[in-house]
Amino acid sequence: MKLIQTILAFVVALGTLVTIHEFGHYLAARLCGVKVLRFSVGMGKVIFSRKLGKDQTEWVISMLPLGGYVKMLDMREQGDIPIPQEDLPREFCRQSVWKRIIIVAAGPVANFLLAIVLYAGLFIHGIPEPIAKIRVPSNNSIAYEAGLRHGDRILSINGLVVQSWSEVQWELMQRALAKGAAELVVERQANGALNGKESRVVDLPLQQLSAKDLEGDFLSKLGFSLARPAAILGEILPGGAAQLAGLQQNDRVLAVNGVAVLDGLAFTEMVSASPGIPLKLHILRNQSEFDIVATPEPESNAGTRVGRLKVKLMLAPEMTVVSAGLFDSVLKAGQKTWDTSLMSFKMIGKMLVGEISLKNVTGPLTIADYAGQTSRTGVISYLSFMALISISLGVMNLLPIPVLDGGHLLYYSLEVLTGKPVSERFGEIAQRAGLALLMAMMAVAFFNDIVRLMS
């Protein structure tokens, strides 16, 4: 069932994004007076077609749903078939260079506009996300030395207000790529303050991160992550080690063998690392503190012995809803789309100069996997995924590779500068080189996908 859902989620997402991309080309062509012969949703063998409109444009559904195309009246594709005299003014190559630029650029622009619409709709609806509260497990980390403490809630970064954990990750990633520092305003519990909280300014040095550090969980390299709830016990499972030891629901574990417990995640790790070993738990129950000895039951997990107390803990982070009004949502969506696009280009640039590994190139298998995961999580996650992939599709098509839209835009830019189109011979050579480069990129992407799925 999961496989079917993954395939359907992938086909719907990619099919929608490609159709929107091609519709951008189609609409721009019509507005610029170019005759459109065919609009195909999908590639390969035609399974349905119908001609509509004054121009009798053929609307087609093809067998392979992972693509699409718009076929315009183009003398380069006519072969020996003459173009009727009345259609010559509507032939693509006879249009001004600026009209050709508009038609080619309209595809990626349509993807960016779709991302803005999706993000704006999500902001209007409200997106539930973890709050910007941090977990600092070690005193020997960059974050701790900079002045961050466990439980701090980040209010702003370089003057920009942040509400959620994803905003923290995004803002710090951008500043890390720019090799800059980040000024964080954090809110911290303080018994001396009237309301029990105080604000602090912390300068976080991101220059210590290398480009390779940004490939994974770069915040863990700085020494902090998303905060988790305190180690408060939930349901005690019957017959388990927790029940036998006398532990009760809502008990809070303050320490294990004299070591303070940071949160529920830390407690889980301590128990897991102690199969069959008695643990002295310092418990807080109804304002009273006392010790209980519990011995985690040994269990096998993926060939490794781990300890289990048979008790449920709440490990989900504290959440907030990020939302805005109509106007602000559109502005935020536009800014997010712009920032994500720039980030993508920067990452591609760092890959080209070898600062970031090619392992970060993903292909259709990874995209399909994420499509399935987000569709199972919920509509909001799935639409967020579609917005991100729409941006990625727009960025990829703007790369100056001859077989892509960006390659054609490069040709037309040269035509604007020189006053004449590139030669057919140059175009043929560039097309072959571009196709070879694209095939190499696809091979790398498929290889990375297979390695990820097998690891």
Protein backbone atom coordinates (compact mmCIF):
# COMPACT_ATOMS: atom_id res chain seq x y z
CA MET A 1 0.00 0.00 0.00
CA LYS A 2 2.86 2.37 0.85
CA LEU A 3 4.46 1.73 -2.55
CA ILE A 4 1.22 2.51 -4.39
CA GLN A 5 0.75 5.71 -2.40
CA THR A 6 4.36 6.74 -3.07
CA ILE A 7 3.98 6.17 -6.81
CA LEU A 8 0.67 8.06 -6.95
CA ALA A 9 2.03 10.96 -4.88
CA PHE A 10 5.09 11.18 -7.12
CA VAL A 11 3.12 11.04 -10.38
CA VAL A 12 0.57 13.63 -9.19
CA ALA A 13 3.26 16.02 -7.93
CA LEU A 14 5.63 15.80 -10.87
CA GLY A 15 2.82 15.61 -13.43
CA THR A 16 1.24 18.77 -12.02
CA LEU A 17 4.54 20.67 -11.87
CA VAL A 18 5.57 19.72 -15.40
CA THR A 19 2.11 20.60 -16.75
CA ILE A 20 2.27 24.03 -15.08
CA HIS A 21 5.76 24.53 -16.53
CA GLU A 22 4.63 23.68 -20.05
CA PHE A 23 1.48 25.78 -19.68
CA GLY A 24 3.76 28.74 -18.97
CA HIS A 25 5.43 28.18 -22.34
CA TYR A 26 2.05 27.70 -24.03
CA LEU A 27 0.46 30.84 -22.61
CA ALA A 28 3.50 32.99 -23.42
CA ALA A 29 3.58 31.61 -26.97
CA ARG A 30 -0.07 32.47 -27.50
CA LEU A 31 0.38 35.97 -26.07
CA CYS A 32 3.40 36.52 -28.34
CA GLY A 33 1.46 35.42 -31.43
CA VAL A 34 3.19 32.05 -32.00
CA LYS A 35 1.09 29.17 -33.30
CA VAL A 36 1.00 26.16 -30.95
CA LEU A 37 0.59 22.82 -32.70
CA ARG A 38 0.49 20.48 -29.69
CA PHE A 39 0.33 20.57 -25.89
CA SER A 40 1.26 17.21 -24.41
CA VAL A 41 0.85 16.10 -20.82
CA GLY A 42 3.31 13.23 -20.56
CA MET A 43 5.82 11.83 -23.02
CA GLY A 44 5.94 8.95 -25.47
CA LYS A 45 2.99 7.25 -27.13
CA VAL A 46 -0.21 9.29 -27.37
CA ILE A 47 -3.16 7.65 -25.58
CA PHE A 48 -5.67 10.50 -25.96
CA SER A 49 -5.82 13.58 -28.17
CA ARG A 50 -8.30 16.24 -29.17
CA LYS A 51 -7.94 19.32 -31.37
CA LEU A 52 -9.46 22.52 -30.05
CA GLY A 53 -9.60 26.22 -30.85
CA LYS A 54 -9.14 28.31 -33.97
CA ASP A 55 -5.63 26.95 -34.49
CA GLN A 56 -6.77 23.36 -33.89
CA THR A 57 -4.11 22.90 -31.25
CA GLU A 58 -3.79 19.21 -30.41
CA TRP A 59 -4.22 18.57 -26.67
CA VAL A 60 -2.59 15.27 -25.84
CA ILE A 61 -2.19 12.87 -22.94
CA SER A 62 0.81 10.60 -23.46
CA MET A 63 1.74 7.29 -21.86
CA LEU A 64 4.67 8.38 -19.65
CA PRO A 65 3.36 10.90 -17.08
CA LEU A 66 6.80 12.19 -16.06
CA GLY A 67 7.15 15.01 -18.53
CA GLY A 68 5.42 17.05 -21.17
CA TYR A 69 6.07 19.46 -24.02
CA VAL A 70 4.67 22.28 -26.11
CA LYS A 71 5.23 21.95 -29.86
CA MET A 72 5.17 25.32 -31.64
CA LEU A 73 5.28 26.12 -35.33
CA ASP A 74 9.05 26.03 -35.90
CA MET A 75 10.76 25.95 -39.28
CA ARG A 76 13.62 23.88 -37.81
CA GLU A 77 11.22 21.02 -37.11
CA GLN A 78 9.18 21.17 -40.33
CA GLY A 79 11.66 19.30 -42.49
CA ASP A 80 10.42 19.29 -46.07
CA ILE A 81 6.89 20.31 -45.12
CA PRO A 82 6.32 23.92 -46.23
CA ILE A 83 4.73 26.41 -43.82
CA PRO A 84 1.54 28.00 -45.21
CA GLN A 85 2.06 31.61 -46.17
CA GLU A 86 -0.56 32.87 -43.73
CA ASP A 87 1.22 31.09 -40.82
CA LEU A 88 4.71 32.47 -41.50
CA PRO A 89 4.27 35.51 -39.19
CA ARG A 90 3.38 33.09 -36.39
CA GLU A 91 6.46 30.87 -36.79
CA PHE A 92 8.67 30.79 -33.68
CA CYS A 93 12.03 31.65 -35.30
CA ARG A 94 10.55 34.73 -36.99
CA GLN A 95 9.71 36.32 -33.66
CA SER A 96 11.91 39.00 -32.14
CA VAL A 97 14.60 37.78 -29.76
CA TRP A 98 12.75 39.39 -26.86
CA LYS A 99 9.56 37.44 -27.62
CA ARG A 100 11.57 34.22 -27.82
CA ILE A 101 13.15 35.03 -24.45
CA ILE A 102 9.70 35.59 -22.93
CA ILE A 103 8.37 32.29 -24.31
CA VAL A 104 11.35 30.24 -23.08
CA ALA A 105 11.53 31.93 -19.67
CA ALA A 106 7.79 31.52 -19.07
CA GLY A 107 8.17 27.84 -18.13
CA PRO A 108 10.47 28.36 -15.12
CA VAL A 109 8.56 31.53 -14.19
CA ALA A 110 5.34 29.47 -14.06
CA ASN A 111 7.02 27.09 -11.59
CA PHE A 112 8.12 29.98 -9.37
CA LEU A 113 4.61 31.48 -9.47
CA LEU A 114 3.11 28.12 -8.52
CA ALA A 115 5.46 27.94 -5.52
CA ILE A 116 4.37 31.42 -4.45
CA VAL A 117 0.68 30.45 -4.73
CA LEU A 118 1.23 27.25 -2.73
CA TYR A 119 3.29 28.94 -0.01
CA ALA A 120 0.84 31.85 0.23
CA GLY A 121 -2.06 29.44 0.63
CA LEU A 122 -0.18 27.55 3.34
CA PHE A 123 0.65 30.75 5.24
CA ILE A 124 -2.99 31.88 5.06
CA HIS A 125 -4.16 28.50 6.34
CA GLY A 126 -1.43 28.27 8.97
CA ILE A 127 1.50 25.84 9.11
CA PRO A 128 2.07 23.90 12.34
CA GLU A 129 5.81 23.81 13.05
CA PRO A 130 8.10 23.23 16.05
CA ILE A 131 8.87 26.42 17.98
CA ALA A 132 12.36 27.92 17.76
CA LYS A 133 13.50 26.43 21.06
CA ILE A 134 16.94 24.84 21.23
CA ARG A 135 18.57 21.82 22.80
CA VAL A 136 22.20 22.29 23.88
CA PRO A 137 23.43 18.92 25.22
CA SER A 138 27.15 19.70 25.60
CA ASN A 139 29.13 22.37 27.42
CA ASN A 140 32.01 21.84 24.98
CA SER A 141 30.32 23.10 21.84
CA ILE A 142 30.46 26.19 19.66
CA ALA A 143 26.89 27.05 20.65
CA TYR A 144 27.58 26.81 24.39
CA GLU A 145 30.82 28.79 24.17
CA ALA A 146 28.98 31.48 22.18
CA GLY A 147 26.47 31.83 25.04
CA LEU A 148 23.52 29.67 23.99
CA ARG A 149 21.95 27.53 26.69
CA HIS A 150 19.58 24.58 26.72
CA GLY A 151 15.96 25.77 26.56
CA ASP A 152 16.73 29.13 24.94
CA ARG A 153 14.02 30.27 22.53
CA ILE A 154 15.36 32.15 19.50
CA LEU A 155 13.36 35.31 18.86
CA SER A 156 15.31 36.86 15.99
CA ILE A 157 18.37 36.35 13.80
CA ASN A 158 20.19 39.46 12.57
CA GLY A 159 17.08 41.49 13.32
CA LEU A 160 14.70 39.16 11.47
CA VAL A 161 11.94 37.74 13.69
CA VAL A 162 11.70 33.93 13.63
CA GLN A 163 8.79 31.88 14.91
CA SER A 164 9.61 28.31 13.96
CA TRP A 165 12.50 25.87 13.90
CA SER A 166 12.49 25.72 10.09
CA GLU A 167 12.97 29.50 9.96
CA VAL A 168 15.96 29.17 12.31
CA GLN A 169 17.51 26.49 10.11
CA TRP A 170 16.89 28.51 6.96
CA GLU A 171 18.29 31.82 8.23
CA LEU A 172 21.39 30.22 9.74
CA MET A 173 22.02 28.19 6.57
CA GLN A 174 21.98 31.35 4.45
CA ARG A 175 24.39 33.12 6.78
CA ALA A 176 26.65 30.07 6.97
CA LEU A 177 26.86 29.97 3.17
CA ALA A 178 27.86 33.64 3.23
CA LYS A 179 30.56 32.83 5.84
CA GLY A 180 29.08 35.40 8.19
CA ALA A 181 28.20 35.56 11.87
CA ALA A 182 24.67 35.51 13.21
CA GLU A 183 23.34 37.75 15.96
CA LEU A 184 20.68 35.86 17.86
CA VAL A 185 18.24 37.38 20.32
CA VAL A 186 17.11 34.60 22.65
CA GLU A 187 14.58 34.33 25.46
CA ARG A 188 15.73 32.46 28.55
CA GLN A 189 14.22 31.38 31.85
CA ALA A 190 15.54 33.61 34.65
CA ASN A 191 14.23 33.47 38.18
CA GLY A 192 15.42 37.01 38.82
CA ALA A 193 13.18 38.54 36.14
CA LEU A 194 9.65 39.60 37.00
CA ASN A 195 8.06 37.28 34.48
CA GLY A 196 10.68 34.56 34.88
CA LYS A 197 12.23 35.28 31.48
CA GLU A 198 14.96 37.50 30.11
CA SER A 199 16.39 38.33 26.68
CA ARG A 200 20.01 37.83 25.69
CA VAL A 201 21.99 38.70 22.56
CA VAL A 202 24.31 35.94 21.35
CA ASP A 203 26.82 36.19 18.49
CA LEU A 204 27.03 32.75 16.89
CA PRO A 205 30.23 32.27 14.83
CA LEU A 206 29.23 30.42 11.67
CA GLN A 207 32.61 30.94 10.01
CA GLN A 208 33.86 27.79 11.72
CA LEU A 209 31.57 25.68 9.53
CA SER A 210 33.04 24.31 6.32
CA ALA A 211 31.01 23.91 3.14
CA LYS A 212 30.88 20.14 3.73
CA ASP A 213 29.38 20.75 7.19
CA LEU A 214 26.35 22.26 5.46
CA GLU A 215 25.54 19.00 3.65
CA GLY A 216 23.92 17.33 6.67
CA ASP A 217 22.60 18.50 10.01
CA PHE A 218 24.88 21.52 10.21
CA LEU A 219 23.33 22.80 13.46
CA SER A 220 24.55 19.69 15.27
CA LYS A 221 28.08 20.70 14.20
CA LEU A 222 27.51 23.92 16.13
CA GLY A 223 26.30 21.91 19.11
CA PHE A 224 22.54 22.46 19.24
CA SER A 225 19.34 21.01 17.88
CA LEU A 226 15.57 21.14 18.31
CA ALA A 227 14.44 21.11 21.94
CA ARG A 228 12.48 18.15 23.25
CA PRO A 229 10.09 17.91 26.24
CA ALA A 230 11.34 17.03 29.71
CA ALA A 231 11.63 13.35 30.67
CA ILE A 232 8.05 12.98 31.92
CA LEU A 233 6.74 9.43 31.85
CA GLY A 234 3.58 8.65 29.95
CA GLU A 235 1.73 5.35 29.88
CA ILE A 236 3.41 2.60 31.91
CA LEU A 237 3.10 -0.66 29.98
CA PRO A 238 1.90 -3.64 32.05
CA GLY A 239 4.54 -6.14 33.12
CA GLY A 240 7.43 -3.97 31.97
CA ALA A 241 10.56 -2.93 33.89
CA ALA A 242 9.08 0.50 34.66
CA GLN A 243 5.99 -0.99 36.34
CA LEU A 244 8.06 -3.53 38.27
CA ALA A 245 10.26 -0.72 39.58
CA GLY A 246 7.24 1.26 40.82
CA LEU A 247 7.39 4.09 38.31
CA GLN A 248 4.13 5.95 37.65
CA GLN A 249 2.63 8.04 34.87
CA ASN A 250 3.63 11.74 35.06
CA ASP A 251 6.81 10.96 37.01
CA ARG A 252 9.61 13.28 35.90
CA VAL A 253 13.11 11.81 35.71
CA LEU A 254 15.61 14.40 36.91
CA ALA A 255 18.78 12.31 36.92
CA VAL A 256 20.12 8.83 36.10
CA ASN A 257 22.96 7.48 38.25
CA GLY A 258 23.64 11.02 39.44
CA VAL A 259 23.81 12.47 35.93
CA ALA A 260 21.23 15.19 35.20
CA VAL A 261 18.74 14.26 32.47
CA LEU A 262 18.48 16.96 29.84
CA ASP A 263 15.15 15.87 28.36
CA GLY A 264 13.11 12.87 27.28
CA LEU A 265 15.42 12.15 24.36
CA ALA A 266 18.47 12.03 26.65
CA PHE A 267 16.64 9.71 29.03
CA THR A 268 15.68 7.39 26.17
CA GLU A 269 19.32 7.26 25.05
CA MET A 270 20.53 6.48 28.59
CA VAL A 271 18.04 3.64 28.99
CA SER A 272 18.76 2.26 25.53
CA ALA A 273 22.50 2.16 26.30
CA SER A 274 21.98 0.16 29.54
CA PRO A 275 20.41 -3.24 28.74
CA GLY A 276 20.22 -5.33 31.91
CA ILE A 277 22.07 -2.70 33.98
CA PRO A 278 20.32 -1.31 37.11
CA LEU A 279 19.78 2.46 36.89
CA LYS A 280 19.18 4.75 39.86
CA LEU A 281 16.51 7.20 38.72
CA HIS A 282 16.00 10.43 40.66
CA ILE A 283 12.26 11.10 40.35
CA LEU A 284 10.05 14.14 40.90
CA ARG A 285 6.46 13.10 41.81
CA ASN A 286 3.84 15.47 43.20
CA GLN A 287 6.45 17.96 44.49
CA SER A 288 8.43 15.14 46.19
CA GLU A 289 11.86 13.88 45.08
CA PHE A 290 13.17 10.37 45.64
CA ASP A 291 15.20 7.59 44.02
CA ILE A 292 13.98 4.44 42.27
CA VAL A 293 16.15 1.66 40.85
CA ALA A 294 14.96 0.27 37.51
CA THR A 295 16.66 -2.30 35.28
CA PRO A 296 16.02 -1.91 31.53
CA GLU A 297 15.02 -5.17 29.84
CA PRO A 298 17.51 -6.29 27.15
CA GLU A 299 16.06 -6.40 23.65
CA SER A 300 17.49 -6.91 20.19
CA ASN A 301 17.18 -4.01 17.76
CA ALA A 302 18.73 -4.46 14.31
CA GLY A 303 21.25 -6.88 15.78
CA THR A 304 22.16 -4.62 18.71
CA ARG A 305 21.26 -5.17 22.38
CA VAL A 306 19.34 -2.21 23.78
CA GLY A 307 17.55 -1.49 27.04
CA ARG A 308 13.79 -0.96 27.39
CA LEU A 309 11.75 0.17 30.42
CA LYS A 310 8.40 -0.35 28.64
CA VAL A 311 7.14 3.18 29.21
CA LYS A 312 5.92 5.80 26.74
CA LEU A 313 7.43 9.28 26.66
CA MET A 314 6.33 12.44 24.88
CA LEU A 315 9.24 13.29 22.57
CA ALA A 316 7.34 15.50 20.11
CA PRO A 317 8.56 19.14 20.27
CA GLU A 318 6.38 22.06 21.31
CA MET A 319 4.51 23.41 18.29
CA THR A 320 3.33 26.76 16.98
CA VAL A 321 1.22 27.78 13.98
CA VAL A 322 2.95 30.07 11.49
CA SER A 323 0.31 32.14 9.67
CA ALA A 324 -0.28 35.57 8.13
CA GLY A 325 -2.93 37.65 6.38
CA LEU A 326 -3.44 37.63 2.62
CA PHE A 327 -1.04 40.46 1.73
CA ASP A 328 1.67 39.38 4.16
CA SER A 329 1.29 35.75 3.04
CA VAL A 330 1.95 36.69 -0.59
CA LEU A 331 4.98 38.76 0.45
CA LYS A 332 6.33 35.94 2.64
CA ALA A 333 5.70 33.40 -0.12
CA GLY A 334 7.52 35.55 -2.67
CA GLN A 335 10.45 36.05 -0.32
CA LYS A 336 10.64 32.35 0.50
CA THR A 337 10.58 31.41 -3.20
CA TRP A 338 13.28 33.97 -3.99
CA ASP A 339 15.48 32.90 -1.08
CA THR A 340 15.08 29.21 -1.91
CA SER A 341 15.99 29.84 -5.55
CA LEU A 342 19.11 31.81 -4.61
CA MET A 343 20.08 29.13 -2.11
CA SER A 344 19.75 26.47 -4.83
CA PHE A 345 21.98 28.40 -7.22
CA LYS A 346 24.57 28.92 -4.46
CA MET A 347 24.60 25.22 -3.64
CA ILE A 348 24.99 24.32 -7.32
CA GLY A 349 27.88 26.78 -7.58
CA LYS A 350 29.61 25.21 -4.58
CA MET A 351 29.15 21.76 -6.10
CA LEU A 352 30.79 22.94 -9.34
CA VAL A 353 33.87 24.22 -7.51
CA GLY A 354 34.07 21.11 -5.34
CA GLU A 355 33.17 22.73 -2.02
CA ILE A 356 30.09 20.53 -1.67
CA SER A 357 29.90 16.86 -2.61
CA LEU A 358 27.94 15.63 -5.64
CA LYS A 359 26.23 13.27 -3.19
CA ASN A 360 23.73 16.09 -2.70
CA VAL A 361 22.40 15.65 -6.25
CA THR A 362 19.07 13.83 -5.98
CA GLY A 363 17.06 12.08 -8.64
CA PRO A 364 13.53 10.80 -9.21
CA LEU A 365 13.81 7.92 -6.74
CA THR A 366 14.59 10.24 -3.83
CA ILE A 367 11.92 12.70 -4.96
CA ALA A 368 9.41 9.84 -5.14
CA ASP A 369 10.41 8.70 -1.64
CA TYR A 370 9.88 12.22 -0.24
CA ALA A 371 6.58 12.51 -2.14
CA GLY A 372 5.35 9.35 -0.43
CA GLN A 373 6.56 10.41 3.01
CA THR A 374 5.00 13.87 2.84
CA SER A 375 1.71 12.56 1.45
CA ARG A 376 1.45 10.20 4.42
CA THR A 377 2.26 13.06 6.84
CA GLY A 378 -0.58 15.27 5.58
CA VAL A 379 -1.77 17.78 3.00
CA ILE A 380 0.33 20.65 4.40
CA SER A 381 3.57 18.64 4.19
CA TYR A 382 2.71 17.43 0.68
CA LEU A 383 1.92 20.93 -0.62
CA SER A 384 5.14 22.26 0.95
CA PHE A 385 7.01 19.48 -0.82
CA MET A 386 5.35 20.39 -4.13
CA ALA A 387 6.30 24.06 -3.69
CA LEU A 388 9.92 23.13 -3.04
CA ILE A 389 10.11 20.77 -6.02
CA SER A 390 8.45 23.42 -8.22
CA ILE A 391 11.23 25.83 -7.29
CA SER A 392 13.85 23.14 -7.95
CA LEU A 393 12.31 22.46 -11.37
CA GLY A 394 12.39 26.16 -12.20
CA VAL A 395 16.01 26.50 -11.06
CA MET A 396 17.14 23.40 -12.93
CA ASN A 397 15.57 24.63 -16.17
CA LEU A 398 17.39 27.96 -15.84
CA LEU A 399 20.81 26.30 -15.79
CA PRO A 400 22.76 27.32 -18.92
CA ILE A 401 22.74 23.82 -20.40
CA PRO A 402 21.79 23.85 -24.11
CA VAL A 403 19.00 21.24 -23.95
CA LEU A 404 17.29 23.14 -21.09
CA ASP A 405 15.45 26.47 -21.11
CA GLY A 406 18.52 28.12 -19.62
CA GLY A 407 20.61 27.02 -22.59
CA HIS A 408 18.16 28.63 -25.02
CA LEU A 409 18.14 31.79 -22.92
CA LEU A 410 21.94 31.79 -23.17
CA TYR A 411 21.69 31.61 -26.98
CA TYR A 412 19.22 34.48 -27.08
CA SER A 413 21.33 36.54 -24.69
CA LEU A 414 24.29 36.13 -27.03
CA GLU A 415 22.02 37.17 -29.89
CA VAL A 416 21.06 40.34 -28.00
CA LEU A 417 24.74 41.14 -27.41
CA THR A 418 26.04 40.32 -30.90
CA GLY A 419 23.00 41.28 -32.95
CA LYS A 420 22.87 37.89 -34.72
CA PRO A 421 21.74 34.39 -33.76
CA VAL A 422 24.25 31.67 -32.94
CA SER A 423 25.24 29.52 -35.92
CA GLU A 424 23.47 26.23 -36.56
CA ARG A 425 26.80 24.38 -36.30
CA PHE A 426 27.51 25.88 -32.88
CA GLY A 427 23.97 25.06 -31.78
CA GLU A 428 24.31 21.41 -32.86
CA ILE A 429 27.60 20.96 -31.01
CA ALA A 430 26.25 22.69 -27.92
CA GLN A 431 23.11 20.54 -27.98
CA ARG A 432 25.18 17.35 -28.02
CA ALA A 433 27.44 18.58 -25.26
CA GLY A 434 24.43 19.67 -23.21
CA LEU A 435 22.70 16.34 -23.69
CA ALA A 436 25.84 14.49 -22.59
CA LEU A 437 26.13 16.71 -19.50
CA LEU A 438 22.46 16.19 -18.66
CA MET A 439 22.80 12.42 -19.02
CA ALA A 440 25.86 12.48 -16.74
CA MET A 441 23.91 14.48 -14.13
CA MET A 442 21.05 11.99 -14.33
CA ALA A 443 23.48 9.08 -13.90
CA VAL A 444 24.93 10.73 -10.76
CA ALA A 445 21.43 11.41 -9.43
CA PHE A 446 20.30 7.80 -9.98
CA PHE A 447 23.49 6.48 -8.36
CA ASN A 448 22.97 8.72 -5.32
CA ASP A 449 19.31 7.64 -5.12
CA ILE A 450 20.22 3.95 -5.11
CA VAL A 451 22.93 4.47 -2.47
CA ARG A 452 20.48 6.39 -0.24
CA LEU A 453 17.74 3.79 -0.56
CA MET A 454 20.12 0.90 0.13
CA SER A 455 21.85 2.54 3.10
